[in-house]
Amino acid sequence: MATSHEQISAEMLEATRAAAAASIAAGLISASGRAHSVGEAVKLLRDVQWSLWPNERYGAYQEWKKNFREHEEHK
């Protein structure tokens, strides 16, 4: 069982990763020179998050990985 200190550390790590991914996604959107819909921004954020910190334990990651690879193959 995780101690409260370990739990807080894990939550801080996840928050830090989320903030870093959001900053990177915002930079990419800004550099693109065009407007993005909320859906596009969320998709880009998810691409950044899962690309930097893949996590095989999550079904959401598995689905993203499948769709991301299919999308990349059609480019």
Protein backbone atom coordinates (compact mmCIF):
# COMPACT_ATOMS: atom_id res chain seq x y z
CA MET A 1 0.00 0.00 0.00
CA ALA A 2 1.34 3.43 -0.95
CA THR A 3 1.99 5.93 1.80
CA SER A 4 0.42 9.36 1.60
CA HIS A 5 3.85 10.76 0.68
CA GLU A 6 4.20 8.29 -2.21
CA GLN A 7 0.65 9.06 -3.35
CA ILE A 8 1.30 12.81 -3.32
CA SER A 9 4.56 12.29 -5.22
CA ALA A 10 2.78 10.21 -7.87
CA GLU A 11 0.06 12.85 -8.21
CA MET A 12 2.65 15.62 -8.51
CA LEU A 13 4.46 13.68 -11.22
CA GLU A 14 1.23 13.27 -13.18
CA ALA A 15 0.38 16.96 -12.76
CA THR A 16 3.86 17.96 -13.91
CA ARG A 17 3.58 15.71 -16.96
CA ALA A 18 0.14 17.12 -17.80
CA ALA A 19 1.45 20.69 -17.54
CA ALA A 20 4.49 19.90 -19.68
CA ALA A 21 2.35 18.23 -22.35
CA ALA A 22 -0.05 21.18 -22.36
CA SER A 23 2.84 23.62 -22.78
CA ILE A 24 4.28 21.65 -25.67
CA ALA A 25 0.87 21.31 -27.36
CA ALA A 26 0.25 25.05 -26.93
CA GLY A 27 3.62 25.81 -28.48
CA LEU A 28 2.89 23.55 -31.44
CA ILE A 29 -0.51 25.15 -31.96
CA SER A 30 0.98 28.63 -31.74
CA ALA A 31 3.78 27.76 -34.15
CA SER A 32 1.36 26.29 -36.66
CA GLY A 33 0.04 29.75 -37.49
CA ARG A 34 -3.59 28.63 -37.73
CA ALA A 35 -6.58 28.30 -35.48
CA HIS A 36 -7.35 24.90 -33.97
CA SER A 37 -10.69 23.61 -32.79
CA VAL A 38 -10.98 22.40 -29.22
CA GLY A 39 -11.13 18.83 -30.56
CA GLU A 40 -7.90 19.31 -32.51
CA ALA A 41 -6.19 20.81 -29.48
CA VAL A 42 -7.27 17.93 -27.24
CA LYS A 43 -6.13 15.39 -29.84
CA LEU A 44 -2.75 17.09 -30.09
CA LEU A 45 -2.44 17.18 -26.31
CA ARG A 46 -3.19 13.45 -26.17
CA ASP A 47 -0.62 12.80 -28.93
CA VAL A 48 2.01 14.68 -26.93
CA GLN A 49 1.14 12.97 -23.65
CA TRP A 50 1.09 9.41 -24.97
CA SER A 51 4.16 9.97 -27.17
CA LEU A 52 6.23 11.20 -24.24
CA TRP A 53 4.82 8.91 -21.54
CA PRO A 54 3.25 5.79 -23.03
CA ASN A 55 1.36 3.63 -20.57
CA GLU A 56 0.37 0.16 -21.71
CA ARG A 57 -1.88 -0.31 -18.64
CA TYR A 58 -4.55 2.06 -19.92
CA GLY A 59 -7.14 1.10 -22.50
CA ALA A 60 -7.19 4.73 -23.63
CA TYR A 61 -3.49 4.45 -24.48
CA GLN A 62 -4.05 1.22 -26.41
CA GLU A 63 -6.82 2.86 -28.45
CA TRP A 64 -4.71 5.97 -29.08
CA LYS A 65 -1.73 3.85 -30.14
CA LYS A 66 -3.84 1.91 -32.63
CA ASN A 67 -5.41 5.05 -34.11
CA PHE A 68 -2.14 7.01 -34.11
CA ARG A 69 -0.34 4.27 -36.05
CA GLU A 70 -3.18 3.97 -38.55
CA HIS A 71 -3.13 7.75 -39.06
CA GLU A 72 0.66 7.78 -39.55
CA GLU A 73 0.49 4.95 -42.11
CA HIS A 74 -1.95 6.94 -44.26
CA LYS A 75 0.27 10.03 -44.51
